Structures are given as structure tokens and as C-alpha cells.
N, C-alpha and C. Protein backbone atom coordinates (compact mmCIF):
# COMPACT_ATOMS: atom_id res chain seq x y z
N MET A 1 144.12 113.75 89.76
CA MET A 1 143.17 113.48 88.70
C MET A 1 141.78 113.88 89.17
N GLY A 2 140.96 114.50 88.31
CA GLY A 2 139.66 115.02 88.66
C GLY A 2 138.59 113.93 88.74
N ILE A 3 137.40 114.37 89.15
CA ILE A 3 136.26 113.46 89.25
C ILE A 3 135.73 113.17 87.86
N SER A 4 135.37 111.93 87.63
CA SER A 4 134.81 111.57 86.33
C SER A 4 133.45 112.22 86.14
N PRO A 5 133.05 112.47 84.90
CA PRO A 5 131.74 113.11 84.66
C PRO A 5 130.58 112.31 85.26
N ALA A 6 130.66 110.97 85.21
CA ALA A 6 129.58 110.15 85.76
C ALA A 6 129.46 110.34 87.26
N ARG A 7 130.62 110.37 87.94
CA ARG A 7 130.59 110.54 89.39
C ARG A 7 130.14 111.93 89.77
N CYS A 8 130.54 112.91 89.01
CA CYS A 8 130.11 114.28 89.27
C CYS A 8 128.59 114.42 89.10
N ALA A 9 128.05 113.76 88.06
CA ALA A 9 126.61 113.80 87.84
C ALA A 9 125.87 113.10 88.97
N LEU A 10 126.45 112.01 89.50
CA LEU A 10 125.83 111.30 90.61
C LEU A 10 125.79 112.17 91.85
N ARG A 11 126.91 112.86 92.15
CA ARG A 11 126.95 113.73 93.31
C ARG A 11 125.93 114.86 93.19
N THR A 12 125.81 115.43 91.99
CA THR A 12 124.85 116.50 91.76
C THR A 12 123.42 115.99 91.96
N PHE A 13 123.16 114.79 91.44
CA PHE A 13 121.83 114.19 91.60
C PHE A 13 121.51 113.95 93.07
N LEU A 14 122.49 113.45 93.83
CA LEU A 14 122.26 113.21 95.25
C LEU A 14 122.02 114.50 96.01
N PHE A 15 122.75 115.55 95.64
CA PHE A 15 122.60 116.84 96.33
C PHE A 15 121.20 117.40 96.14
N TYR A 16 120.77 117.52 94.88
CA TYR A 16 119.45 118.11 94.61
C TYR A 16 118.33 117.15 95.00
N GLY A 17 118.56 115.85 94.84
CA GLY A 17 117.57 114.88 95.29
C GLY A 17 117.39 114.92 96.81
N GLY A 18 118.51 115.09 97.55
CA GLY A 18 118.43 115.20 98.99
C GLY A 18 117.67 116.44 99.44
N ILE A 19 117.90 117.55 98.75
CA ILE A 19 117.16 118.78 99.07
C ILE A 19 115.67 118.57 98.84
N ALA A 20 115.32 117.96 97.71
CA ALA A 20 113.91 117.71 97.40
C ALA A 20 113.27 116.80 98.45
N LEU A 21 114.00 115.76 98.86
CA LEU A 21 113.46 114.84 99.86
C LEU A 21 113.30 115.52 101.21
N ALA A 22 114.24 116.40 101.56
CA ALA A 22 114.13 117.14 102.82
C ALA A 22 112.92 118.08 102.80
N LEU A 23 112.68 118.72 101.66
CA LEU A 23 111.51 119.60 101.53
C LEU A 23 110.21 118.81 101.65
N ILE A 24 110.19 117.61 101.06
CA ILE A 24 109.01 116.75 101.20
C ILE A 24 108.80 116.39 102.67
N GLY A 25 109.90 116.07 103.37
CA GLY A 25 109.80 115.75 104.79
C GLY A 25 109.24 116.90 105.60
N MET A 26 109.68 118.13 105.33
CA MET A 26 109.17 119.28 106.05
C MET A 26 107.69 119.51 105.74
N THR A 27 107.28 119.21 104.51
CA THR A 27 105.87 119.32 104.15
C THR A 27 105.02 118.33 104.94
N PHE A 28 105.50 117.09 105.05
CA PHE A 28 104.79 116.08 105.83
C PHE A 28 104.68 116.51 107.30
N LEU A 29 105.77 117.06 107.84
CA LEU A 29 105.74 117.50 109.24
C LEU A 29 104.73 118.63 109.44
N ALA A 30 104.70 119.56 108.47
CA ALA A 30 103.75 120.66 108.57
C ALA A 30 102.30 120.16 108.50
N MET A 31 102.08 119.13 107.68
CA MET A 31 100.74 118.57 107.54
C MET A 31 100.32 117.71 108.72
N SER A 32 101.29 117.30 109.55
CA SER A 32 100.95 116.42 110.67
C SER A 32 100.33 117.17 111.84
N TYR A 33 100.41 118.52 111.80
CA TYR A 33 99.82 119.32 112.86
C TYR A 33 98.66 120.12 112.30
N ARG A 34 97.68 120.35 113.13
CA ARG A 34 96.50 121.07 112.69
C ARG A 34 96.09 122.08 113.73
N ASP A 35 95.78 123.27 113.25
CA ASP A 35 95.33 124.32 114.15
C ASP A 35 93.93 123.99 114.65
N ILE A 36 93.74 123.99 115.99
CA ILE A 36 92.44 123.65 116.55
C ILE A 36 91.37 124.61 116.05
N GLY A 37 91.74 125.85 115.77
CA GLY A 37 90.77 126.82 115.29
C GLY A 37 90.23 126.50 113.91
N ASP A 38 90.91 125.63 113.16
CA ASP A 38 90.46 125.28 111.82
C ASP A 38 89.41 124.17 111.82
N ILE A 39 89.14 123.57 112.99
CA ILE A 39 88.23 122.44 113.05
C ILE A 39 86.78 122.94 113.01
N ASN A 40 86.01 122.41 112.09
CA ASN A 40 84.60 122.75 111.98
C ASN A 40 83.80 121.46 111.92
N ASP A 41 83.35 121.02 113.08
CA ASP A 41 82.62 119.77 113.19
C ASP A 41 81.20 120.09 113.62
N ASP A 42 80.27 120.00 112.67
CA ASP A 42 78.89 120.38 112.94
C ASP A 42 78.21 119.48 113.96
N THR A 43 78.70 118.24 114.12
CA THR A 43 78.07 117.32 115.05
C THR A 43 78.44 117.62 116.50
N GLY A 44 79.47 118.45 116.72
CA GLY A 44 79.90 118.76 118.06
C GLY A 44 80.69 117.62 118.66
N PRO A 45 81.22 117.81 119.86
CA PRO A 45 81.99 116.73 120.49
C PRO A 45 81.11 115.54 120.84
N LEU A 46 81.62 114.33 120.62
CA LEU A 46 80.87 113.13 120.93
C LEU A 46 80.93 112.83 122.42
N SER A 47 82.09 113.02 123.02
CA SER A 47 82.24 112.89 124.47
C SER A 47 83.11 114.04 124.94
N TYR A 48 82.89 114.42 126.18
CA TYR A 48 83.58 115.60 126.69
C TYR A 48 83.94 115.37 128.16
N TYR A 49 85.24 115.45 128.47
CA TYR A 49 85.71 115.22 129.82
C TYR A 49 86.47 116.47 130.29
N THR A 50 86.25 116.85 131.52
CA THR A 50 87.01 117.96 132.11
C THR A 50 87.55 117.51 133.47
N TYR A 51 88.77 117.91 133.75
CA TYR A 51 89.41 117.54 135.01
C TYR A 51 90.20 118.74 135.53
N ASN A 52 90.25 118.87 136.84
CA ASN A 52 91.18 119.77 137.51
C ASN A 52 92.08 118.89 138.38
N VAL A 53 93.34 118.81 137.99
CA VAL A 53 94.25 117.83 138.57
C VAL A 53 95.33 118.53 139.36
N PHE A 54 95.51 118.10 140.59
CA PHE A 54 96.60 118.59 141.42
C PHE A 54 97.76 117.61 141.31
N VAL A 55 98.93 118.11 140.93
CA VAL A 55 100.11 117.25 140.74
C VAL A 55 101.19 117.71 141.71
N GLU A 56 101.61 116.80 142.58
CA GLU A 56 102.63 117.14 143.56
C GLU A 56 103.99 117.34 142.90
N ALA A 57 104.88 117.99 143.61
CA ALA A 57 106.24 118.19 143.13
C ALA A 57 106.93 116.85 142.92
N TYR A 58 107.63 116.73 141.82
CA TYR A 58 108.40 115.53 141.46
C TYR A 58 107.53 114.29 141.23
N LYS A 59 106.22 114.44 141.18
CA LYS A 59 105.32 113.29 141.02
C LYS A 59 104.58 113.37 139.69
N TYR A 60 103.66 112.43 139.50
CA TYR A 60 102.82 112.43 138.31
C TYR A 60 101.41 112.03 138.71
N ARG A 61 100.45 112.38 137.85
CA ARG A 61 99.08 111.92 137.98
C ARG A 61 98.64 111.38 136.62
N SER A 62 97.79 110.36 136.65
CA SER A 62 97.30 109.78 135.40
C SER A 62 95.78 109.77 135.40
N LEU A 63 95.21 109.98 134.22
CA LEU A 63 93.77 109.92 134.00
C LEU A 63 93.51 108.89 132.91
N ASN A 64 92.39 108.20 133.00
CA ASN A 64 92.05 107.27 131.92
C ASN A 64 90.71 107.66 131.31
N PHE A 65 90.59 107.40 130.02
CA PHE A 65 89.35 107.69 129.30
C PHE A 65 89.19 106.64 128.21
N THR A 66 87.96 106.45 127.78
CA THR A 66 87.68 105.49 126.72
C THR A 66 87.42 106.23 125.42
N ALA A 67 87.81 105.62 124.32
CA ALA A 67 87.63 106.23 123.01
C ALA A 67 87.26 105.14 122.00
N ARG A 68 86.49 105.52 121.01
CA ARG A 68 86.12 104.59 119.96
C ARG A 68 87.16 104.61 118.85
N ALA A 69 87.05 103.65 117.97
CA ALA A 69 88.01 103.56 116.86
C ALA A 69 87.73 104.66 115.84
N ASN A 70 88.82 105.12 115.21
CA ASN A 70 88.76 106.11 114.13
C ASN A 70 88.03 107.38 114.57
N ILE A 71 88.37 107.84 115.74
CA ILE A 71 87.81 109.07 116.27
C ILE A 71 88.98 110.01 116.59
N SER A 72 88.73 111.28 116.57
CA SER A 72 89.78 112.25 116.89
C SER A 72 89.59 112.76 118.32
N ILE A 73 90.69 113.05 118.95
CA ILE A 73 90.69 113.58 120.31
C ILE A 73 91.32 114.96 120.31
N ILE A 74 90.61 115.91 120.89
CA ILE A 74 91.17 117.25 121.11
C ILE A 74 91.56 117.35 122.58
N LEU A 75 92.83 117.52 122.80
CA LEU A 75 93.36 117.61 124.17
C LEU A 75 93.80 119.04 124.45
N THR A 76 93.27 119.60 125.53
CA THR A 76 93.63 120.96 125.94
C THR A 76 94.17 120.91 127.37
N ILE A 77 95.33 121.50 127.58
CA ILE A 77 95.98 121.49 128.89
C ILE A 77 96.33 122.92 129.27
N ASN A 78 96.00 123.29 130.49
CA ASN A 78 96.40 124.57 131.06
C ASN A 78 97.03 124.31 132.42
N ALA A 79 98.32 124.52 132.52
CA ALA A 79 99.05 124.25 133.76
C ALA A 79 99.45 125.57 134.42
N GLN A 80 99.35 125.61 135.73
CA GLN A 80 99.78 126.78 136.49
C GLN A 80 100.24 126.34 137.87
N PHE A 81 100.92 127.23 138.55
CA PHE A 81 101.36 126.93 139.90
C PHE A 81 100.13 126.74 140.80
N ALA A 82 100.19 125.73 141.66
CA ALA A 82 99.11 125.53 142.63
C ALA A 82 99.10 126.68 143.62
N PRO A 83 97.92 127.00 144.18
CA PRO A 83 97.86 128.08 145.17
C PRO A 83 98.84 127.85 146.33
N GLY A 84 99.61 128.87 146.63
CA GLY A 84 100.58 128.78 147.71
C GLY A 84 101.91 128.17 147.32
N ALA A 85 102.03 127.74 146.05
CA ALA A 85 103.28 127.09 145.62
C ALA A 85 104.31 128.07 145.11
N GLY A 86 103.94 129.33 145.03
CA GLY A 86 104.86 130.31 144.48
C GLY A 86 104.39 130.75 143.10
N GLY A 87 105.30 131.22 142.29
CA GLY A 87 104.94 131.70 140.97
C GLY A 87 106.16 131.91 140.11
N PRO A 88 105.94 132.34 138.87
CA PRO A 88 107.07 132.53 137.95
C PRO A 88 108.04 133.61 138.41
N GLU A 89 107.55 134.57 139.21
CA GLU A 89 108.45 135.62 139.70
C GLU A 89 109.47 135.06 140.69
N ILE A 90 109.19 133.88 141.25
CA ILE A 90 110.11 133.25 142.19
C ILE A 90 110.94 132.17 141.52
N TYR A 91 110.25 131.28 140.77
CA TYR A 91 110.91 130.11 140.21
C TYR A 91 111.26 130.24 138.74
N GLY A 92 110.64 131.18 138.02
CA GLY A 92 110.85 131.28 136.58
C GLY A 92 109.73 130.57 135.84
N ARG A 93 109.51 130.98 134.62
CA ARG A 93 108.40 130.46 133.83
C ARG A 93 108.56 128.97 133.54
N GLU A 94 109.78 128.50 133.32
CA GLU A 94 109.98 127.10 132.95
C GLU A 94 109.58 126.13 134.07
N GLU A 95 109.56 126.61 135.31
CA GLU A 95 109.16 125.74 136.43
C GLU A 95 107.65 125.50 136.43
N GLY A 96 106.88 126.37 135.80
CA GLY A 96 105.43 126.28 135.85
C GLY A 96 104.81 125.38 134.81
N CYS A 97 105.60 124.58 134.09
CA CYS A 97 105.07 123.75 133.01
C CYS A 97 104.84 122.32 133.49
N ILE A 98 104.22 121.53 132.62
CA ILE A 98 103.94 120.13 132.90
C ILE A 98 104.22 119.33 131.64
N ASP A 99 104.62 118.07 131.79
CA ASP A 99 104.79 117.17 130.65
C ASP A 99 103.56 116.28 130.53
N ALA A 100 103.13 116.02 129.31
CA ALA A 100 101.92 115.22 129.09
C ALA A 100 102.21 114.11 128.09
N LEU A 101 101.69 112.92 128.40
CA LEU A 101 101.84 111.75 127.52
C LEU A 101 100.49 111.05 127.42
N VAL A 102 100.15 110.62 126.21
CA VAL A 102 98.93 109.84 125.98
C VAL A 102 99.35 108.49 125.43
N MET A 103 98.85 107.41 126.03
CA MET A 103 99.24 106.07 125.60
C MET A 103 98.09 105.10 125.85
N ASP A 104 98.15 103.96 125.15
CA ASP A 104 97.12 102.95 125.38
C ASP A 104 97.44 102.15 126.64
N GLN A 105 96.56 101.21 126.95
CA GLN A 105 96.69 100.50 128.22
C GLN A 105 97.97 99.67 128.30
N ASP A 106 98.31 98.99 127.20
CA ASP A 106 99.53 98.17 127.21
C ASP A 106 100.77 99.01 127.43
N ASN A 107 100.88 100.12 126.72
CA ASN A 107 102.07 100.97 126.86
C ASN A 107 102.08 101.70 128.20
N TYR A 108 100.92 101.96 128.77
CA TYR A 108 100.88 102.57 130.09
C TYR A 108 101.47 101.61 131.13
N GLY A 109 101.14 100.32 130.99
CA GLY A 109 101.73 99.34 131.88
C GLY A 109 103.24 99.27 131.73
N LYS A 110 103.73 99.35 130.50
CA LYS A 110 105.18 99.35 130.28
C LYS A 110 105.81 100.61 130.88
N TRP A 111 105.13 101.73 130.75
CA TRP A 111 105.66 102.98 131.31
C TRP A 111 105.78 102.87 132.83
N LEU A 112 104.78 102.27 133.47
CA LEU A 112 104.84 102.09 134.92
C LEU A 112 105.98 101.18 135.34
N ARG A 113 106.29 100.20 134.48
CA ARG A 113 107.39 99.27 134.79
C ARG A 113 108.73 99.77 134.29
N ASN A 114 108.74 101.01 133.76
CA ASN A 114 109.96 101.62 133.25
C ASN A 114 110.55 100.80 132.10
N GLU A 115 109.67 100.26 131.26
CA GLU A 115 110.10 99.52 130.09
C GLU A 115 109.97 100.39 128.84
N SER A 116 110.55 99.92 127.75
CA SER A 116 110.45 100.64 126.48
C SER A 116 108.99 100.64 126.02
N MET A 117 108.49 101.81 125.64
CA MET A 117 107.09 101.93 125.24
C MET A 117 106.96 103.03 124.21
N SER A 118 105.78 103.17 123.65
CA SER A 118 105.49 104.22 122.67
C SER A 118 104.25 104.98 123.10
N THR A 119 104.15 106.23 122.68
CA THR A 119 103.02 107.07 123.04
C THR A 119 102.27 107.48 121.79
N LEU A 120 101.01 107.80 121.96
CA LEU A 120 100.22 108.37 120.87
C LEU A 120 100.48 109.87 120.75
N PHE A 121 100.85 110.46 121.85
CA PHE A 121 101.04 111.91 121.88
C PHE A 121 101.94 112.25 123.05
N THR A 122 102.91 113.12 122.82
CA THR A 122 103.82 113.56 123.87
C THR A 122 104.09 115.05 123.72
N ILE A 123 103.98 115.78 124.81
CA ILE A 123 104.33 117.20 124.79
C ILE A 123 105.12 117.49 126.06
N GLY A 124 106.25 118.14 125.91
CA GLY A 124 107.09 118.50 127.03
C GLY A 124 107.01 119.99 127.31
N GLY A 125 106.96 120.34 128.58
CA GLY A 125 106.97 121.75 128.96
C GLY A 125 105.73 122.51 128.57
N ALA A 126 104.54 121.93 128.79
CA ALA A 126 103.29 122.58 128.39
C ALA A 126 102.82 123.56 129.45
N HIS A 127 102.48 124.75 129.03
CA HIS A 127 101.81 125.73 129.89
C HIS A 127 100.32 125.79 129.52
N SER A 128 100.05 126.23 128.31
CA SER A 128 98.70 126.27 127.76
C SER A 128 98.80 125.71 126.35
N TYR A 129 98.16 124.56 126.12
CA TYR A 129 98.42 123.85 124.88
C TYR A 129 97.17 123.09 124.45
N SER A 130 96.92 123.07 123.13
CA SER A 130 95.84 122.28 122.54
C SER A 130 96.35 121.57 121.30
N ASN A 131 95.90 120.35 121.11
CA ASN A 131 96.28 119.59 119.90
C ASN A 131 95.21 118.55 119.63
N ILE A 132 95.18 118.09 118.39
CA ILE A 132 94.25 117.06 117.98
C ILE A 132 95.04 115.88 117.45
N PHE A 133 94.64 114.68 117.81
CA PHE A 133 95.31 113.48 117.33
C PHE A 133 94.28 112.38 117.12
N GLN A 134 94.65 111.41 116.33
CA GLN A 134 93.73 110.37 115.88
C GLN A 134 93.81 109.13 116.76
N MET A 135 92.65 108.56 117.09
CA MET A 135 92.55 107.26 117.75
C MET A 135 92.14 106.24 116.70
N TYR A 136 93.01 105.28 116.41
CA TYR A 136 92.72 104.30 115.38
C TYR A 136 92.08 103.03 115.94
N ARG A 137 92.21 102.82 117.24
CA ARG A 137 91.64 101.62 117.87
C ARG A 137 90.80 102.02 119.08
N ALA A 138 89.72 101.31 119.29
CA ALA A 138 88.90 101.55 120.46
C ALA A 138 89.58 100.96 121.69
N GLY A 139 89.34 101.57 122.83
CA GLY A 139 89.93 101.03 124.05
C GLY A 139 90.07 102.09 125.13
N THR A 140 90.78 101.71 126.17
CA THR A 140 91.07 102.61 127.29
C THR A 140 92.43 103.25 127.09
N TYR A 141 92.48 104.55 127.25
CA TYR A 141 93.72 105.30 127.06
C TYR A 141 94.03 106.09 128.34
N TYR A 142 95.31 106.43 128.48
CA TYR A 142 95.77 107.10 129.68
C TYR A 142 96.48 108.41 129.32
N LEU A 143 96.14 109.43 130.06
CA LEU A 143 96.85 110.71 130.00
C LEU A 143 97.68 110.83 131.26
N VAL A 144 98.99 110.94 131.08
CA VAL A 144 99.91 111.08 132.21
C VAL A 144 100.37 112.54 132.27
N LEU A 145 100.20 113.15 133.41
CA LEU A 145 100.69 114.50 133.67
C LEU A 145 101.89 114.37 134.60
N SER A 146 103.05 114.63 134.07
CA SER A 146 104.28 114.40 134.82
C SER A 146 104.88 115.73 135.28
N ASN A 147 105.15 115.79 136.58
CA ASN A 147 105.80 116.95 137.18
C ASN A 147 107.23 116.60 137.59
N ALA A 148 107.80 115.59 136.92
CA ALA A 148 109.15 115.13 137.25
C ALA A 148 110.15 116.25 137.04
N GLY A 149 111.06 116.39 137.99
CA GLY A 149 112.08 117.42 137.88
C GLY A 149 111.62 118.80 138.26
N LYS A 150 110.38 118.94 138.73
CA LYS A 150 109.84 120.25 139.12
C LYS A 150 109.61 120.25 140.63
N CYS A 151 110.00 121.33 141.27
CA CYS A 151 109.98 121.38 142.73
C CYS A 151 108.72 122.04 143.28
N THR A 152 107.76 122.38 142.44
CA THR A 152 106.53 123.03 142.90
C THR A 152 105.31 122.25 142.44
N GLU A 153 104.24 122.34 143.24
CA GLU A 153 102.99 121.69 142.88
C GLU A 153 102.31 122.43 141.73
N LYS A 154 101.54 121.68 140.93
CA LYS A 154 100.84 122.26 139.79
C LYS A 154 99.35 121.97 139.88
N LEU A 155 98.58 122.89 139.37
CA LEU A 155 97.15 122.69 139.18
C LEU A 155 96.91 122.73 137.67
N VAL A 156 96.42 121.61 137.13
CA VAL A 156 96.31 121.45 135.69
C VAL A 156 94.84 121.26 135.31
N ALA A 157 94.34 122.13 134.45
CA ALA A 157 93.00 121.98 133.89
C ALA A 157 93.10 121.21 132.58
N VAL A 158 92.33 120.15 132.48
CA VAL A 158 92.41 119.26 131.31
C VAL A 158 91.03 119.15 130.68
N GLU A 159 90.99 119.26 129.35
CA GLU A 159 89.77 119.00 128.58
C GLU A 159 90.08 117.95 127.53
N ILE A 160 89.25 116.94 127.45
CA ILE A 160 89.39 115.88 126.45
C ILE A 160 88.08 115.79 125.68
N LYS A 161 88.13 116.03 124.39
CA LYS A 161 86.92 116.01 123.56
C LYS A 161 87.08 115.00 122.44
N GLU A 162 86.04 114.23 122.21
CA GLU A 162 85.96 113.40 121.02
C GLU A 162 85.27 114.19 119.91
N THR A 163 85.72 114.01 118.70
CA THR A 163 85.13 114.71 117.58
C THR A 163 85.26 113.87 116.32
N ASN A 164 84.35 114.11 115.37
CA ASN A 164 84.42 113.43 114.08
C ASN A 164 85.40 114.08 113.12
N ALA A 165 85.89 115.27 113.47
CA ALA A 165 86.84 115.96 112.60
C ALA A 165 88.10 115.11 112.44
N GLN A 166 88.51 114.90 111.21
CA GLN A 166 89.66 114.04 110.94
C GLN A 166 90.96 114.83 111.02
N VAL A 167 91.98 114.17 111.50
CA VAL A 167 93.30 114.78 111.61
C VAL A 167 93.96 114.78 110.24
N LEU A 168 94.54 115.90 109.89
CA LEU A 168 95.32 116.00 108.65
C LEU A 168 96.72 115.49 108.92
N GLY A 169 96.97 114.27 108.49
CA GLY A 169 98.30 113.70 108.68
C GLY A 169 98.37 112.83 109.92
N GLY A 170 98.57 113.44 111.06
CA GLY A 170 98.66 112.68 112.28
C GLY A 170 100.04 112.09 112.48
N GLN A 171 100.10 111.06 113.33
CA GLN A 171 101.38 110.50 113.74
C GLN A 171 102.12 109.87 112.57
N GLN A 172 101.40 109.26 111.63
CA GLN A 172 102.06 108.66 110.47
C GLN A 172 102.80 109.70 109.65
N TYR A 173 102.22 110.88 109.52
CA TYR A 173 102.88 111.95 108.77
C TYR A 173 104.12 112.44 109.51
N GLN A 174 104.08 112.44 110.84
CA GLN A 174 105.26 112.84 111.60
C GLN A 174 106.42 111.88 111.37
N VAL A 175 106.12 110.57 111.39
CA VAL A 175 107.16 109.57 111.16
C VAL A 175 107.72 109.71 109.74
N ALA A 176 106.81 109.82 108.75
CA ALA A 176 107.26 109.95 107.36
C ALA A 176 108.04 111.23 107.16
N GLY A 177 107.60 112.32 107.80
CA GLY A 177 108.29 113.60 107.64
C GLY A 177 109.68 113.58 108.23
N LEU A 178 109.82 113.04 109.44
CA LEU A 178 111.14 112.98 110.07
C LEU A 178 112.08 112.06 109.30
N SER A 179 111.55 110.94 108.79
CA SER A 179 112.39 110.02 108.02
C SER A 179 112.88 110.68 106.74
N SER A 180 111.95 111.31 106.00
CA SER A 180 112.34 111.96 104.75
C SER A 180 113.31 113.10 104.98
N LEU A 181 113.07 113.87 106.03
CA LEU A 181 113.96 114.99 106.33
C LEU A 181 115.36 114.50 106.68
N SER A 182 115.45 113.43 107.47
CA SER A 182 116.76 112.91 107.86
C SER A 182 117.53 112.35 106.67
N VAL A 183 116.86 111.51 105.88
CA VAL A 183 117.53 110.91 104.72
C VAL A 183 117.91 111.99 103.71
N GLY A 184 117.02 112.94 103.48
CA GLY A 184 117.32 114.01 102.53
C GLY A 184 118.50 114.85 102.95
N ALA A 185 118.60 115.14 104.27
CA ALA A 185 119.72 115.92 104.77
C ALA A 185 121.04 115.17 104.57
N VAL A 186 121.03 113.87 104.84
CA VAL A 186 122.25 113.08 104.66
C VAL A 186 122.68 113.07 103.19
N LEU A 187 121.73 112.85 102.28
CA LEU A 187 122.05 112.82 100.86
C LEU A 187 122.57 114.17 100.37
N ALA A 188 121.92 115.24 100.83
CA ALA A 188 122.34 116.58 100.39
C ALA A 188 123.75 116.89 100.88
N ILE A 189 124.04 116.54 102.12
CA ILE A 189 125.39 116.80 102.65
C ILE A 189 126.42 115.98 101.90
N TYR A 190 126.11 114.72 101.63
CA TYR A 190 127.04 113.87 100.90
C TYR A 190 127.27 114.40 99.49
N GLY A 191 126.20 114.83 98.84
CA GLY A 191 126.35 115.37 97.50
C GLY A 191 127.08 116.69 97.46
N PHE A 192 126.95 117.48 98.54
CA PHE A 192 127.60 118.79 98.58
C PHE A 192 129.10 118.68 98.77
N THR A 193 129.51 117.66 99.48
CA THR A 193 130.94 117.51 99.77
C THR A 193 131.64 116.82 98.60
N ASN A 194 131.57 117.43 97.43
CA ASN A 194 132.26 116.91 96.25
C ASN A 194 133.77 116.99 96.42
N GLU A 195 134.46 116.05 95.83
CA GLU A 195 135.92 116.13 95.82
C GLU A 195 136.33 117.26 94.88
N LYS A 196 137.30 118.00 95.31
CA LYS A 196 137.79 119.10 94.50
C LYS A 196 138.68 118.59 93.38
N VAL A 197 138.48 119.12 92.18
CA VAL A 197 139.35 118.78 91.06
C VAL A 197 140.65 119.55 91.21
N PRO A 198 141.78 118.88 91.23
CA PRO A 198 143.04 119.59 91.40
C PRO A 198 143.26 120.62 90.31
N ALA A 199 143.53 121.84 90.71
CA ALA A 199 143.74 122.92 89.75
C ALA A 199 145.24 123.00 89.41
N VAL A 200 145.56 122.94 88.15
CA VAL A 200 146.95 123.01 87.69
C VAL A 200 147.10 124.25 86.83
N LYS A 201 147.98 125.10 87.23
CA LYS A 201 148.21 126.31 86.47
C LYS A 201 148.92 125.98 85.16
N ILE A 202 148.63 126.77 84.13
CA ILE A 202 149.22 126.52 82.81
C ILE A 202 150.73 126.68 82.86
N GLY A 203 151.23 127.69 83.58
CA GLY A 203 152.67 127.91 83.65
C GLY A 203 153.39 126.74 84.29
N GLU A 204 152.77 126.19 85.40
CA GLU A 204 153.39 125.06 86.07
C GLU A 204 153.41 123.84 85.16
N LYS A 205 152.32 123.65 84.40
CA LYS A 205 152.26 122.51 83.48
C LYS A 205 153.31 122.66 82.39
N ALA A 206 153.51 123.87 81.89
CA ALA A 206 154.51 124.09 80.85
C ALA A 206 155.90 123.82 81.38
N ASN A 207 156.18 124.21 82.62
CA ASN A 207 157.49 123.95 83.22
C ASN A 207 157.74 122.46 83.36
N GLU A 208 156.67 121.71 83.72
CA GLU A 208 156.83 120.27 83.83
C GLU A 208 157.19 119.66 82.48
N VAL A 209 156.55 120.16 81.42
CA VAL A 209 156.85 119.65 80.09
C VAL A 209 158.27 119.97 79.69
N ASP A 210 158.73 121.23 79.95
CA ASP A 210 160.10 121.60 79.62
C ASP A 210 161.10 120.76 80.36
N GLU A 211 160.83 120.51 81.64
CA GLU A 211 161.77 119.75 82.45
C GLU A 211 161.86 118.31 81.94
N SER A 212 160.70 117.74 81.55
CA SER A 212 160.72 116.37 81.06
C SER A 212 161.49 116.28 79.74
N GLN A 213 161.36 117.33 78.92
CA GLN A 213 162.10 117.34 77.64
C GLN A 213 163.60 117.55 77.87
N GLY A 214 163.92 118.39 78.87
CA GLY A 214 165.33 118.65 79.15
C GLY A 214 166.03 117.46 79.75
N ASN A 215 165.31 116.63 80.43
CA ASN A 215 165.90 115.44 81.03
C ASN A 215 166.02 114.26 80.06
N GLY A 216 165.57 114.48 78.81
CA GLY A 216 165.63 113.40 77.84
C GLY A 216 167.05 113.19 77.32
N ASN A 217 167.32 112.06 76.70
CA ASN A 217 168.64 111.74 76.12
C ASN A 217 168.85 112.55 74.86
N THR A 218 170.07 113.07 74.66
CA THR A 218 170.44 113.78 73.43
C THR A 218 171.46 112.96 72.69
N SER A 219 171.34 112.92 71.41
CA SER A 219 172.26 112.14 70.58
C SER A 219 173.32 113.02 69.98
């Protein structure tokens, strides 16, 4: 027996609704990132920090900085092999990267204790990277440069700038985008996997009718 019209309409609605929700999620994700070149802040950076950080093999280094509430941070990282540590021709390009995490003081303490924590910003495998993210609360923040799993020393140039330029989207848009994309994908897949209506050929149906009539009682 085939699918009822109501159920078929529901599956169709879920399929196209899931696609629409997934597209909305991708839009949110696209809006959560901003090209640094698009920033035009006439007031200039409010605070500006520069560091040259040496990170040993398999180790990490952390930097702390203060930020005011509702301010944006432009983080620029340039990682390269430390002098005498070799180079990409020996170890490969993937060895020359660094992982970066930005977190507040409470979560930094949890990270040190290897507890569950959250970050304001995380980037894995950075060579040369810039991004802008929003600080919603004033306080002390930590940038962790992790060389875990890497067998060579790194020299990392870091720039941290405060700016009045507002982030388009930010972390909230990333969460909303990933959630919408995930739910939309599930709904679309569920709606796409409709049950097939059994196809009955006319000849086979006619034979069934003849057989049922032939098996009837005759007087």
C-alpha cells in the first residue's frame, strides 16, 4: 500500500524546509567571518600589542592582555620555523604551523587543569592568519600558542589590536549557523528518503483478478 497524501506532503515539506534551513545556516556561517581588509575604523586601534614568541617543540606559550567590554580584537599570527630548527623542505609545510586559542581567565585556568572549557577563538594549523572577534566583557584574556605534536621550535609574530569596528555576526552567528545547518541537513535527508509506492503492473493485477474469479464457487 502506498504513502498517504498527507504523509507524502509532510515528507515534501520536511525536505524543502530542511534545505531552506541549511541554506540559512550557511548564510549565518558566512556572516560570522569578516575580511580584515573590509574594516574601516577612522579612530584607529585603541590598543596595540606586538610580540615575538619563541615556542619550544611539543610545548606552548601563553600571553595575556586586557580588553574593554564591547570592543573588537584583530588578531594576526605569523608562524615560522625558528632559526636553526629546519624548514618545510625537511619537515613539510604542516610542521611549520601553530595552534592558537583565545580564552578568558576562568577558562584559561580550566585549560591548565585539563578541564572542560570554552574559547572565544580557536584556530588550528595557522601559518599566517588574521581574524576579528568581539569582546563582550571587560577583563584579562589569554592567547595560547600551542606547538603540541610538533617536533620543531617556532618563532611566532603576534599582533593584537583593539578597534571600534564591530564584528558582523561573530561567535553567536557561528553557533546559530552550525545549528541551523545540522538540523536542516537532518530534515532534508529524512524528507528525501521517502518510502517507495509499490508499483503494480496492470497485467499482473489483471491476472490476480482472473485467478480470484476462477477460484470462486460455480453453481
